[in-house]
Every structure is written in C-alpha cells, then in structure tokens.
C-alpha cells in the first residue's frame, strides 16, 4: 500500500505541474486533417424553337441550328440541334449535341436534355436523355446522332408549333483544402 501511495503521489505531483506533465508525457508530434469537398454548380438553358415545322423544312439533313452560348460553372456551352439528323443519324431521327465551348479545363459534368412545349411541360419521359461526361480540349461534345425520333416530337402536342429544348448542366468542381494541424 505504501508503494501505491507513493506512485499516486508522484502522478499527482507530475499532473499538478503543467511543465513536468508536458516534459514526461508521451509526445505527439502533430495531428493533421484534410477535407475534400465536391462543389456542384447547376444551370439550365432553354433553347426555344418557334415555328418548329418551318425550321425543320428549312434545315435539311446535315444542317443544324445552334442556341446562344450559356455559362455554367465558369464554362461556356451551347446546344447544336439537327432537326433532320446530322448525316450519321438513322432515318427519321434528330441529332442533338451539347458542346463545351471553353478553351481549357478538364470538366466533369452531368448533362440532361428534355424536350418541352412552350409552356414548359415535358413532352414525354421517353424523350429525356442524360449522362455523366468529362469534357476537355479533346472531348468537346456530348449527344447522339440518333437522339430522338422525329415522329416522337411531331406526335407530341407542340402548342403553337413551338419546341423548347431544356439543357441542364451540373458541373462538378473538386476542391481540396490544405492540411491543418489540430
């Protein structure tokens, strides 16, 4: 018992003195941490095509119409739509591509394209397309030569002969915080 008291008294002595406790304690050099977060920036562009049937007649196969350039996540994009296909499309199909119009970057994005009427109502769930894509100077577009059947667009109720292509781009930006000492 006498030995237990002296050990206890010794421990008490060391803990009562911050200097001695620090001097004789186990030394931890440092504890660090780092955090990686993924920031998502989402934007949509509505490409409205009035008098769609007339636009289709004026743009034979291999001719396209192009939306205005829009900006999402610090990058420029535009929609390229071929009402009668791009030449590689199956007969009776439209072609559509979303183009990355920035000169640099390696950009991860989630793309969604929907076809709407002039009131913003989706024409059909079957016409929606989406994909995760990495864009860069060598890979600047996403889409399909045979995007949707022209008959599917024409059989839809296009109020006032107006077709709206909604392009939603969700840019994924990674940011790594510097290490910090805890």
N, C-alpha and C. Protein backbone atom coordinates (compact mmCIF):
# COMPACT_ATOMS: atom_id res chain seq x y z
N UNK A 1 0.81 -1.18 0.00
CA UNK A 1 0.00 0.00 0.00
C UNK A 1 0.86 1.26 0.00
N UNK A 2 1.97 1.18 0.73
CA UNK A 2 2.85 2.33 0.79
C UNK A 2 3.37 2.67 -0.61
N UNK A 3 3.69 1.64 -1.42
CA UNK A 3 4.16 1.85 -2.78
C UNK A 3 3.09 2.47 -3.66
N UNK A 4 1.81 2.07 -3.43
CA UNK A 4 0.70 2.62 -4.23
C UNK A 4 0.53 4.10 -3.94
N UNK A 5 0.68 4.48 -2.65
CA UNK A 5 0.53 5.89 -2.28
C UNK A 5 1.63 6.72 -2.91
N UNK A 6 2.85 6.19 -2.88
CA UNK A 6 3.95 6.98 -3.43
C UNK A 6 3.80 7.12 -4.94
N UNK A 7 3.33 6.07 -5.65
CA UNK A 7 3.09 6.18 -7.09
C UNK A 7 1.98 7.19 -7.37
N UNK A 8 0.95 7.13 -6.55
CA UNK A 8 -0.17 8.05 -6.70
C UNK A 8 0.27 9.48 -6.43
N UNK A 9 1.09 9.64 -5.39
CA UNK A 9 1.59 10.97 -5.06
C UNK A 9 2.50 11.49 -6.16
N UNK A 10 3.30 10.61 -6.74
CA UNK A 10 4.19 11.00 -7.82
C UNK A 10 3.37 11.44 -9.05
N UNK A 11 2.34 10.67 -9.38
CA UNK A 11 1.48 11.01 -10.52
C UNK A 11 0.79 12.34 -10.27
N UNK A 12 0.33 12.53 -9.05
CA UNK A 12 -0.32 13.78 -8.68
C UNK A 12 0.63 14.95 -8.82
N UNK A 13 1.90 14.74 -8.40
CA UNK A 13 2.91 15.78 -8.49
C UNK A 13 3.14 16.17 -9.95
N UNK A 14 3.27 15.17 -10.83
CA UNK A 14 3.51 15.46 -12.25
C UNK A 14 2.32 16.17 -12.89
N UNK A 15 1.09 15.74 -12.55
CA UNK A 15 -0.10 16.35 -13.15
C UNK A 15 -0.37 17.74 -12.60
N UNK A 16 0.13 18.04 -11.40
CA UNK A 16 -0.09 19.37 -10.84
C UNK A 16 0.83 20.41 -11.48
N UNK A 17 1.88 19.96 -12.11
CA UNK A 17 2.81 20.88 -12.75
C UNK A 17 2.69 20.72 -14.27
N UNK A 18 2.10 21.69 -14.98
CA UNK A 18 1.96 21.58 -16.44
C UNK A 18 3.29 21.37 -17.14
N UNK A 19 4.34 22.01 -16.62
CA UNK A 19 5.66 21.87 -17.23
C UNK A 19 6.15 20.42 -17.16
N UNK A 20 6.07 19.82 -15.93
CA UNK A 20 6.55 18.45 -15.76
C UNK A 20 5.65 17.46 -16.50
N UNK A 21 4.34 17.69 -16.48
CA UNK A 21 3.42 16.80 -17.18
C UNK A 21 3.73 16.79 -18.67
N UNK A 22 4.02 17.94 -19.22
CA UNK A 22 4.35 18.04 -20.64
C UNK A 22 5.70 17.39 -20.93
N UNK A 23 6.65 17.61 -20.01
CA UNK A 23 8.00 17.08 -20.18
C UNK A 23 8.03 15.56 -20.17
N UNK A 24 7.27 14.93 -19.28
CA UNK A 24 7.33 13.48 -19.12
C UNK A 24 6.18 12.73 -19.79
N UNK A 25 5.30 13.39 -20.47
CA UNK A 25 4.18 12.70 -21.14
C UNK A 25 4.64 12.21 -22.51
N UNK A 26 3.84 11.35 -23.10
CA UNK A 26 4.12 10.87 -24.45
C UNK A 26 3.95 12.03 -25.41
N UNK A 27 4.92 12.20 -26.27
CA UNK A 27 4.90 13.33 -27.18
C UNK A 27 4.22 12.93 -28.48
N UNK A 28 3.21 13.70 -28.86
CA UNK A 28 2.55 13.54 -30.15
C UNK A 28 3.04 14.70 -30.99
N UNK A 29 3.70 14.36 -32.11
CA UNK A 29 4.31 15.41 -32.92
C UNK A 29 3.26 16.39 -33.42
N UNK A 30 2.24 15.87 -34.12
CA UNK A 30 1.10 16.70 -34.52
C UNK A 30 0.01 15.81 -35.11
N UNK A 31 -1.16 16.32 -35.16
CA UNK A 31 -2.30 15.65 -35.79
C UNK A 31 -2.79 16.59 -36.88
N UNK A 32 -2.91 16.06 -38.08
CA UNK A 32 -3.35 16.89 -39.20
C UNK A 32 -4.65 16.34 -39.76
N UNK A 33 -5.29 17.17 -40.54
CA UNK A 33 -6.50 16.72 -41.22
C UNK A 33 -6.58 17.43 -42.56
N UNK A 34 -7.31 16.83 -43.48
CA UNK A 34 -7.61 17.49 -44.75
C UNK A 34 -9.02 17.09 -45.15
N UNK A 35 -9.64 17.95 -45.89
CA UNK A 35 -11.02 17.71 -46.30
C UNK A 35 -11.15 17.96 -47.79
N UNK A 36 -11.79 17.04 -48.48
CA UNK A 36 -12.07 17.21 -49.90
C UNK A 36 -13.58 17.38 -50.04
N UNK A 37 -13.97 18.44 -50.71
CA UNK A 37 -15.39 18.67 -50.95
C UNK A 37 -15.63 18.74 -52.44
N UNK A 38 -16.82 18.38 -52.84
CA UNK A 38 -17.20 18.49 -54.24
C UNK A 38 -18.29 19.56 -54.32
N UNK A 39 -17.98 20.60 -55.04
CA UNK A 39 -18.95 21.67 -55.24
C UNK A 39 -19.67 21.39 -56.55
N UNK A 40 -20.98 21.53 -56.55
CA UNK A 40 -21.77 21.34 -57.76
C UNK A 40 -22.38 22.68 -58.15
N UNK A 41 -22.23 23.04 -59.40
CA UNK A 41 -22.85 24.24 -59.93
C UNK A 41 -23.79 23.80 -61.04
N UNK A 42 -25.07 24.13 -60.89
CA UNK A 42 -26.07 23.69 -61.87
C UNK A 42 -26.70 24.89 -62.55
N UNK A 43 -26.89 24.75 -63.85
CA UNK A 43 -27.57 25.78 -64.62
C UNK A 43 -28.34 25.14 -65.76
N UNK A 44 -29.39 25.81 -66.19
CA UNK A 44 -30.21 25.32 -67.30
C UNK A 44 -30.33 26.39 -68.36
N UNK A 45 -30.46 25.93 -69.60
CA UNK A 45 -30.67 26.83 -70.73
C UNK A 45 -31.89 26.32 -71.50
N UNK A 46 -32.80 27.23 -71.82
CA UNK A 46 -33.97 26.90 -72.63
C UNK A 46 -33.75 27.40 -74.05
N UNK A 47 -33.68 26.48 -74.99
CA UNK A 47 -33.49 26.80 -76.40
C UNK A 47 -34.87 26.67 -77.06
N UNK A 48 -35.48 27.80 -77.30
CA UNK A 48 -36.85 27.85 -77.82
C UNK A 48 -36.82 27.93 -79.35
N UNK A 49 -37.52 26.99 -80.00
CA UNK A 49 -37.58 26.95 -81.46
C UNK A 49 -39.03 27.22 -81.86
N UNK A 50 -39.28 28.46 -82.25
CA UNK A 50 -40.63 28.83 -82.70
C UNK A 50 -40.79 28.42 -84.15
N UNK A 51 -42.03 28.10 -84.52
CA UNK A 51 -42.34 27.62 -85.88
C UNK A 51 -41.46 26.42 -86.23
N UNK A 52 -41.47 25.44 -85.34
CA UNK A 52 -40.62 24.27 -85.46
C UNK A 52 -40.78 23.58 -86.81
N UNK A 53 -42.01 23.39 -87.28
CA UNK A 53 -42.21 22.69 -88.55
C UNK A 53 -41.55 23.44 -89.71
N UNK A 54 -41.56 24.75 -89.66
CA UNK A 54 -40.91 25.57 -90.70
C UNK A 54 -39.39 25.45 -90.59
N UNK A 55 -38.87 25.49 -89.37
CA UNK A 55 -37.42 25.35 -89.15
C UNK A 55 -36.96 23.99 -89.66
N UNK A 56 -37.76 22.96 -89.44
CA UNK A 56 -37.42 21.61 -89.89
C UNK A 56 -37.34 21.55 -91.41
N UNK A 57 -38.29 22.22 -92.09
CA UNK A 57 -38.29 22.23 -93.56
C UNK A 57 -37.10 23.01 -94.13
N UNK A 58 -36.70 24.07 -93.45
CA UNK A 58 -35.60 24.92 -93.94
C UNK A 58 -34.22 24.36 -93.63
N UNK A 59 -34.14 23.33 -92.80
CA UNK A 59 -32.85 22.75 -92.41
C UNK A 59 -32.81 21.27 -92.78
N UNK A 60 -32.41 20.96 -94.03
CA UNK A 60 -32.36 19.56 -94.44
C UNK A 60 -31.31 18.79 -93.63
N UNK A 61 -31.24 17.50 -93.87
CA UNK A 61 -30.27 16.66 -93.18
C UNK A 61 -28.88 17.29 -93.26
N UNK A 62 -28.14 17.18 -92.18
CA UNK A 62 -26.77 17.71 -92.02
C UNK A 62 -26.72 19.21 -91.71
N UNK A 63 -27.83 19.88 -91.65
CA UNK A 63 -27.82 21.30 -91.28
C UNK A 63 -28.36 21.43 -89.87
N UNK A 64 -27.74 22.31 -89.11
CA UNK A 64 -28.11 22.44 -87.71
C UNK A 64 -28.49 23.88 -87.38
N UNK A 65 -29.17 24.00 -86.25
CA UNK A 65 -29.41 25.30 -85.63
C UNK A 65 -28.69 25.26 -84.28
N UNK A 66 -28.31 26.41 -83.82
CA UNK A 66 -27.46 26.49 -82.63
C UNK A 66 -28.07 27.47 -81.63
N UNK A 67 -28.04 27.10 -80.37
CA UNK A 67 -28.51 28.00 -79.32
C UNK A 67 -27.47 29.10 -79.07
N UNK A 68 -27.88 30.07 -78.31
CA UNK A 68 -26.91 31.05 -77.82
C UNK A 68 -25.98 30.34 -76.84
N UNK A 69 -24.80 30.88 -76.66
CA UNK A 69 -23.86 30.33 -75.69
C UNK A 69 -24.36 30.69 -74.29
N UNK A 70 -24.26 29.74 -73.39
CA UNK A 70 -24.64 29.98 -71.99
C UNK A 70 -23.52 29.50 -71.09
N UNK A 71 -23.49 30.05 -69.88
CA UNK A 71 -22.37 29.80 -68.96
C UNK A 71 -22.87 29.06 -67.71
N UNK A 72 -22.18 27.96 -67.38
CA UNK A 72 -22.47 27.21 -66.15
C UNK A 72 -21.13 26.78 -65.55
N UNK A 73 -20.94 27.06 -64.27
CA UNK A 73 -19.75 26.62 -63.56
C UNK A 73 -18.46 27.27 -64.05
N UNK A 74 -18.59 28.44 -64.69
CA UNK A 74 -17.42 29.12 -65.21
C UNK A 74 -17.01 28.67 -66.61
N UNK A 75 -17.84 27.85 -67.24
CA UNK A 75 -17.55 27.34 -68.58
C UNK A 75 -18.68 27.68 -69.54
N UNK A 76 -18.34 27.79 -70.83
CA UNK A 76 -19.32 28.12 -71.86
C UNK A 76 -19.80 26.86 -72.56
N UNK A 77 -21.11 26.86 -72.91
CA UNK A 77 -21.77 25.72 -73.54
C UNK A 77 -22.73 26.23 -74.61
N UNK A 78 -23.09 25.38 -75.55
CA UNK A 78 -24.20 25.66 -76.47
C UNK A 78 -24.80 24.36 -76.97
N UNK A 79 -26.04 24.44 -77.43
CA UNK A 79 -26.77 23.28 -77.96
C UNK A 79 -26.75 23.36 -79.48
N UNK A 80 -26.45 22.24 -80.11
CA UNK A 80 -26.44 22.11 -81.56
C UNK A 80 -27.51 21.08 -81.90
N UNK A 81 -28.54 21.50 -82.64
CA UNK A 81 -29.70 20.63 -82.94
C UNK A 81 -29.87 20.49 -84.45
N UNK A 82 -29.94 19.26 -84.89
CA UNK A 82 -30.18 18.92 -86.30
C UNK A 82 -31.60 18.38 -86.40
N UNK A 83 -32.57 19.18 -86.85
CA UNK A 83 -33.96 18.72 -86.89
C UNK A 83 -34.17 17.48 -87.76
N UNK A 84 -33.32 17.29 -88.78
CA UNK A 84 -33.45 16.14 -89.68
C UNK A 84 -32.26 15.19 -89.60
N UNK A 85 -31.47 15.29 -88.58
CA UNK A 85 -30.32 14.39 -88.41
C UNK A 85 -29.04 14.99 -88.98
N UNK A 86 -27.93 14.46 -88.51
CA UNK A 86 -26.62 15.02 -88.87
C UNK A 86 -25.91 14.26 -89.99
N UNK A 87 -26.53 13.34 -90.63
CA UNK A 87 -25.88 12.56 -91.67
C UNK A 87 -25.51 11.17 -91.18
N UNK A 88 -25.23 11.03 -89.89
CA UNK A 88 -24.96 9.72 -89.30
C UNK A 88 -26.19 9.17 -88.62
N UNK A 89 -27.22 10.00 -88.48
CA UNK A 89 -28.44 9.59 -87.78
C UNK A 89 -29.22 8.57 -88.60
N UNK A 90 -29.91 7.72 -87.88
CA UNK A 90 -30.83 6.80 -88.56
C UNK A 90 -31.92 7.65 -89.19
N UNK A 91 -32.49 7.17 -90.29
CA UNK A 91 -33.59 7.89 -90.93
C UNK A 91 -34.70 8.13 -89.91
N UNK A 92 -35.26 9.33 -89.97
CA UNK A 92 -36.37 9.66 -89.08
C UNK A 92 -35.95 10.04 -87.67
N UNK A 93 -34.69 10.42 -87.48
CA UNK A 93 -34.20 10.82 -86.16
C UNK A 93 -33.59 12.23 -86.21
N UNK A 94 -33.70 12.93 -85.10
CA UNK A 94 -32.99 14.19 -84.92
C UNK A 94 -31.62 13.89 -84.34
N UNK A 95 -30.73 14.85 -84.43
CA UNK A 95 -29.42 14.75 -83.77
C UNK A 95 -29.29 15.94 -82.83
N UNK A 96 -28.68 15.73 -81.70
CA UNK A 96 -28.51 16.81 -80.74
C UNK A 96 -27.19 16.62 -80.01
N UNK A 97 -26.46 17.73 -79.85
CA UNK A 97 -25.19 17.72 -79.13
C UNK A 97 -25.12 18.94 -78.22
N UNK A 98 -24.60 18.74 -77.02
CA UNK A 98 -24.28 19.84 -76.12
C UNK A 98 -22.78 20.00 -76.23
N UNK A 99 -22.35 21.20 -76.57
CA UNK A 99 -20.94 21.46 -76.83
C UNK A 99 -20.29 22.28 -75.74
N UNK A 100 -19.09 21.84 -75.36
CA UNK A 100 -18.23 22.53 -74.40
C UNK A 100 -17.48 23.57 -75.22
N UNK A 101 -17.69 24.84 -74.92
CA UNK A 101 -17.17 25.93 -75.75
C UNK A 101 -16.11 26.75 -75.02
N UNK A 102 -15.40 26.11 -74.10
CA UNK A 102 -14.31 26.79 -73.38
C UNK A 102 -12.99 26.24 -73.88
N UNK A 103 -11.95 27.05 -73.78
CA UNK A 103 -10.67 26.66 -74.36
C UNK A 103 -9.81 25.79 -73.46
N UNK A 104 -10.08 25.77 -72.17
CA UNK A 104 -9.24 24.96 -71.29
C UNK A 104 -10.09 24.32 -70.21
N UNK A 105 -9.49 23.36 -69.57
CA UNK A 105 -10.15 22.71 -68.45
C UNK A 105 -10.41 21.25 -68.71
N UNK A 106 -10.51 20.53 -67.63
CA UNK A 106 -10.91 19.13 -67.63
C UNK A 106 -12.15 19.11 -66.75
N UNK A 107 -13.32 19.10 -67.36
CA UNK A 107 -14.57 19.39 -66.65
C UNK A 107 -15.45 18.15 -66.57
N UNK A 108 -15.80 17.78 -65.34
CA UNK A 108 -16.75 16.69 -65.12
C UNK A 108 -18.13 17.32 -65.00
N UNK A 109 -19.07 16.80 -65.79
CA UNK A 109 -20.41 17.37 -65.77
C UNK A 109 -21.45 16.29 -65.94
N UNK A 110 -22.63 16.55 -65.42
CA UNK A 110 -23.79 15.69 -65.62
C UNK A 110 -24.73 16.46 -66.53
N UNK A 111 -25.06 15.89 -67.67
CA UNK A 111 -25.88 16.56 -68.68
C UNK A 111 -27.28 15.96 -68.70
N UNK A 112 -28.30 16.80 -68.82
CA UNK A 112 -29.67 16.34 -69.01
C UNK A 112 -30.31 17.19 -70.09
N UNK A 113 -30.97 16.53 -71.04
CA UNK A 113 -31.71 17.23 -72.09
C UNK A 113 -33.15 16.74 -72.07
N UNK A 114 -34.07 17.69 -72.04
CA UNK A 114 -35.51 17.40 -72.09
C UNK A 114 -36.13 18.22 -73.21
N UNK A 115 -37.22 17.70 -73.76
CA UNK A 115 -37.99 18.42 -74.77
C UNK A 115 -39.29 18.87 -74.13
N UNK A 116 -39.57 20.17 -74.25
CA UNK A 116 -40.74 20.77 -73.61
C UNK A 116 -41.62 21.46 -74.64
N UNK A 117 -42.87 21.70 -74.24
CA UNK A 117 -43.71 22.56 -75.08
C UNK A 117 -43.48 24.01 -74.65
N UNK A 118 -44.15 24.95 -75.29
CA UNK A 118 -43.90 26.37 -74.99
C UNK A 118 -44.28 26.77 -73.57
N UNK A 119 -45.11 25.95 -72.90
CA UNK A 119 -45.49 26.23 -71.52
C UNK A 119 -44.55 25.59 -70.50
N UNK A 120 -43.51 24.93 -70.98
CA UNK A 120 -42.54 24.31 -70.09
C UNK A 120 -42.92 22.91 -69.64
N UNK A 121 -43.95 22.32 -70.27
CA UNK A 121 -44.39 20.96 -69.93
C UNK A 121 -43.56 19.96 -70.72
N UNK A 122 -43.02 18.96 -70.02
CA UNK A 122 -42.21 17.92 -70.67
C UNK A 122 -43.09 17.15 -71.66
N UNK A 123 -42.58 16.98 -72.88
CA UNK A 123 -43.35 16.28 -73.91
C UNK A 123 -43.53 14.81 -73.58
N UNK A 124 -42.48 14.17 -73.08
CA UNK A 124 -42.55 12.75 -72.73
C UNK A 124 -41.32 12.38 -71.93
N UNK A 125 -41.50 11.47 -70.97
CA UNK A 125 -40.35 10.95 -70.22
C UNK A 125 -39.39 10.21 -71.14
N UNK A 126 -39.93 9.62 -72.20
CA UNK A 126 -39.12 8.82 -73.12
C UNK A 126 -38.16 9.67 -73.95
N UNK A 127 -38.36 10.98 -73.98
CA UNK A 127 -37.52 11.85 -74.79
C UNK A 127 -36.35 12.44 -74.00
N UNK A 128 -36.34 12.24 -72.70
CA UNK A 128 -35.29 12.79 -71.85
C UNK A 128 -34.03 11.94 -71.96
N UNK A 129 -32.88 12.61 -72.01
CA UNK A 129 -31.59 11.91 -72.08
C UNK A 129 -30.65 12.53 -71.06
N UNK A 130 -29.80 11.69 -70.45
CA UNK A 130 -28.82 12.22 -69.51
C UNK A 130 -27.58 11.35 -69.49
N UNK A 131 -26.48 11.97 -69.07
CA UNK A 131 -25.20 11.25 -68.99
C UNK A 131 -24.21 12.03 -68.15
N UNK A 132 -23.26 11.32 -67.59
CA UNK A 132 -22.11 11.93 -66.91
C UNK A 132 -20.96 11.92 -67.92
N UNK A 133 -20.34 13.09 -68.10
CA UNK A 133 -19.34 13.25 -69.15
C UNK A 133 -18.16 14.05 -68.61
N UNK A 134 -16.96 13.73 -69.09
CA UNK A 134 -15.79 14.55 -68.82
C UNK A 134 -15.42 15.27 -70.11
N UNK A 135 -15.44 16.60 -70.07
CA UNK A 135 -15.11 17.43 -71.23
C UNK A 135 -13.70 17.96 -71.10
N UNK A 136 -13.01 18.10 -72.23
CA UNK A 136 -11.69 18.73 -72.27
C UNK A 136 -11.42 19.15 -73.72
N UNK A 137 -10.21 19.56 -74.01
CA UNK A 137 -9.90 20.05 -75.36
C UNK A 137 -10.01 18.95 -76.42
N UNK A 138 -9.95 17.68 -76.02
CA UNK A 138 -10.09 16.57 -76.96
C UNK A 138 -11.50 16.00 -77.02
N UNK A 139 -12.30 16.26 -76.02
CA UNK A 139 -13.67 15.76 -75.96
C UNK A 139 -14.59 16.93 -75.64
N UNK A 140 -15.12 17.56 -76.69
CA UNK A 140 -15.82 18.83 -76.52
C UNK A 140 -17.33 18.74 -76.70
N UNK A 141 -17.90 17.55 -76.90
CA UNK A 141 -19.35 17.50 -77.05
C UNK A 141 -19.92 16.19 -76.52
N UNK A 142 -21.19 16.25 -76.18
CA UNK A 142 -21.94 15.07 -75.78
C UNK A 142 -23.27 15.12 -76.50
N UNK A 143 -23.74 14.00 -76.93
CA UNK A 143 -25.03 13.90 -77.58
C UNK A 143 -25.09 12.63 -78.40
N UNK A 144 -26.06 12.62 -79.31
CA UNK A 144 -26.23 11.44 -80.14
C UNK A 144 -26.65 11.86 -81.53
N UNK A 145 -26.17 11.12 -82.49
CA UNK A 145 -26.62 11.35 -83.87
C UNK A 145 -28.08 10.96 -84.01
N UNK A 146 -28.49 9.88 -83.38
CA UNK A 146 -29.90 9.48 -83.37
C UNK A 146 -30.46 9.76 -81.99
N UNK A 147 -30.71 11.05 -81.73
CA UNK A 147 -31.10 11.47 -80.38
C UNK A 147 -32.52 11.06 -80.04
N UNK A 148 -33.48 11.50 -80.85
CA UNK A 148 -34.88 11.08 -80.69
C UNK A 148 -35.51 10.96 -82.08
N UNK A 149 -36.57 10.17 -82.15
CA UNK A 149 -37.31 10.03 -83.41
C UNK A 149 -38.04 11.33 -83.70
N UNK A 150 -38.00 11.76 -84.94
CA UNK A 150 -38.74 12.98 -85.32
C UNK A 150 -40.23 12.77 -85.13
N UNK A 151 -40.71 11.54 -85.35
CA UNK A 151 -42.15 11.26 -85.18
C UNK A 151 -42.57 11.44 -83.72
N UNK A 152 -41.66 11.16 -82.76
CA UNK A 152 -42.00 11.35 -81.34
C UNK A 152 -42.18 12.83 -81.03
N UNK A 153 -41.36 13.69 -81.65
CA UNK A 153 -41.52 15.13 -81.44
C UNK A 153 -42.78 15.64 -82.14
N UNK A 154 -43.01 15.15 -83.35
CA UNK A 154 -44.15 15.65 -84.14
C UNK A 154 -45.48 15.14 -83.61
N UNK A 155 -45.49 13.98 -82.96
CA UNK A 155 -46.75 13.47 -82.42
C UNK A 155 -47.09 14.11 -81.07
N UNK A 156 -46.12 14.76 -80.48
CA UNK A 156 -46.36 15.47 -79.21
C UNK A 156 -47.19 16.71 -79.48
N UNK A 157 -47.82 17.18 -78.45
CA UNK A 157 -48.67 18.37 -78.58
C UNK A 157 -47.79 19.62 -78.51
N UNK A 158 -47.25 20.04 -79.66
CA UNK A 158 -46.43 21.25 -79.70
C UNK A 158 -47.35 22.45 -79.86
N UNK A 159 -47.71 23.05 -78.75
CA UNK A 159 -48.60 24.21 -78.77
C UNK A 159 -47.97 25.33 -79.58
N UNK A 160 -48.73 25.88 -80.51
CA UNK A 160 -48.27 26.98 -81.37
C UNK A 160 -47.00 26.63 -82.14
N UNK A 161 -46.81 25.33 -82.43
CA UNK A 161 -45.66 24.88 -83.23
C UNK A 161 -44.34 25.34 -82.62
N UNK A 162 -44.25 25.23 -81.29
CA UNK A 162 -43.06 25.68 -80.56
C UNK A 162 -42.45 24.51 -79.81
N UNK A 163 -41.17 24.28 -80.04
CA UNK A 163 -40.42 23.24 -79.34
C UNK A 163 -39.37 23.92 -78.47
N UNK A 164 -39.26 23.47 -77.23
CA UNK A 164 -38.25 24.01 -76.32
C UNK A 164 -37.33 22.86 -75.90
N UNK A 165 -36.04 23.07 -76.10
CA UNK A 165 -35.04 22.10 -75.65
C UNK A 165 -34.45 22.66 -74.35
N UNK A 166 -34.62 21.90 -73.28
CA UNK A 166 -34.05 22.31 -71.99
C UNK A 166 -32.77 21.52 -71.76
N UNK A 167 -31.68 22.24 -71.62
CA UNK A 167 -30.38 21.62 -71.37
C UNK A 167 -29.94 22.01 -69.96
N UNK A 168 -29.78 21.01 -69.11
CA UNK A 168 -29.32 21.26 -67.74
C UNK A 168 -27.92 20.69 -67.60
N UNK A 169 -27.01 21.53 -67.14
CA UNK A 169 -25.61 21.14 -66.95
C UNK A 169 -25.29 21.27 -65.47
N UNK A 170 -24.79 20.19 -64.89
CA UNK A 170 -24.34 20.22 -63.50
C UNK A 170 -22.83 19.97 -63.51
N UNK A 171 -22.07 21.02 -63.26
CA UNK A 171 -20.61 20.94 -63.28
C UNK A 171 -20.14 20.53 -61.88
N UNK A 172 -19.27 19.53 -61.83
CA UNK A 172 -18.71 19.06 -60.56
C UNK A 172 -17.31 19.64 -60.41
N UNK A 173 -17.12 20.41 -59.37
CA UNK A 173 -15.82 21.03 -59.12
C UNK A 173 -15.26 20.46 -57.84
N UNK A 174 -14.05 19.92 -57.89
CA UNK A 174 -13.39 19.39 -56.70
C UNK A 174 -12.50 20.47 -56.11
N UNK A 175 -12.50 20.56 -54.80
CA UNK A 175 -11.57 21.47 -54.15
C UNK A 175 -11.02 20.77 -52.92
N UNK A 176 -9.72 20.71 -52.81
CA UNK A 176 -9.07 20.08 -51.66
C UNK A 176 -8.55 21.19 -50.77
N UNK A 177 -8.94 21.15 -49.51
CA UNK A 177 -8.46 22.14 -48.56
C UNK A 177 -7.07 21.76 -48.09
N UNK A 178 -6.28 22.75 -47.74
CA UNK A 178 -4.93 22.48 -47.23
C UNK A 178 -5.01 21.75 -45.90
N UNK A 179 -3.98 21.00 -45.63
CA UNK A 179 -3.92 20.29 -44.35
C UNK A 179 -3.87 21.31 -43.22
N UNK A 180 -4.45 20.92 -42.12
CA UNK A 180 -4.40 21.77 -40.94
C UNK A 180 -3.94 20.95 -39.75
N UNK A 181 -3.30 21.60 -38.82
CA UNK A 181 -2.83 20.92 -37.60
C UNK A 181 -3.91 21.10 -36.56
N UNK A 182 -4.28 19.99 -35.95
CA UNK A 182 -5.32 20.02 -34.92
C UNK A 182 -4.74 20.25 -33.55
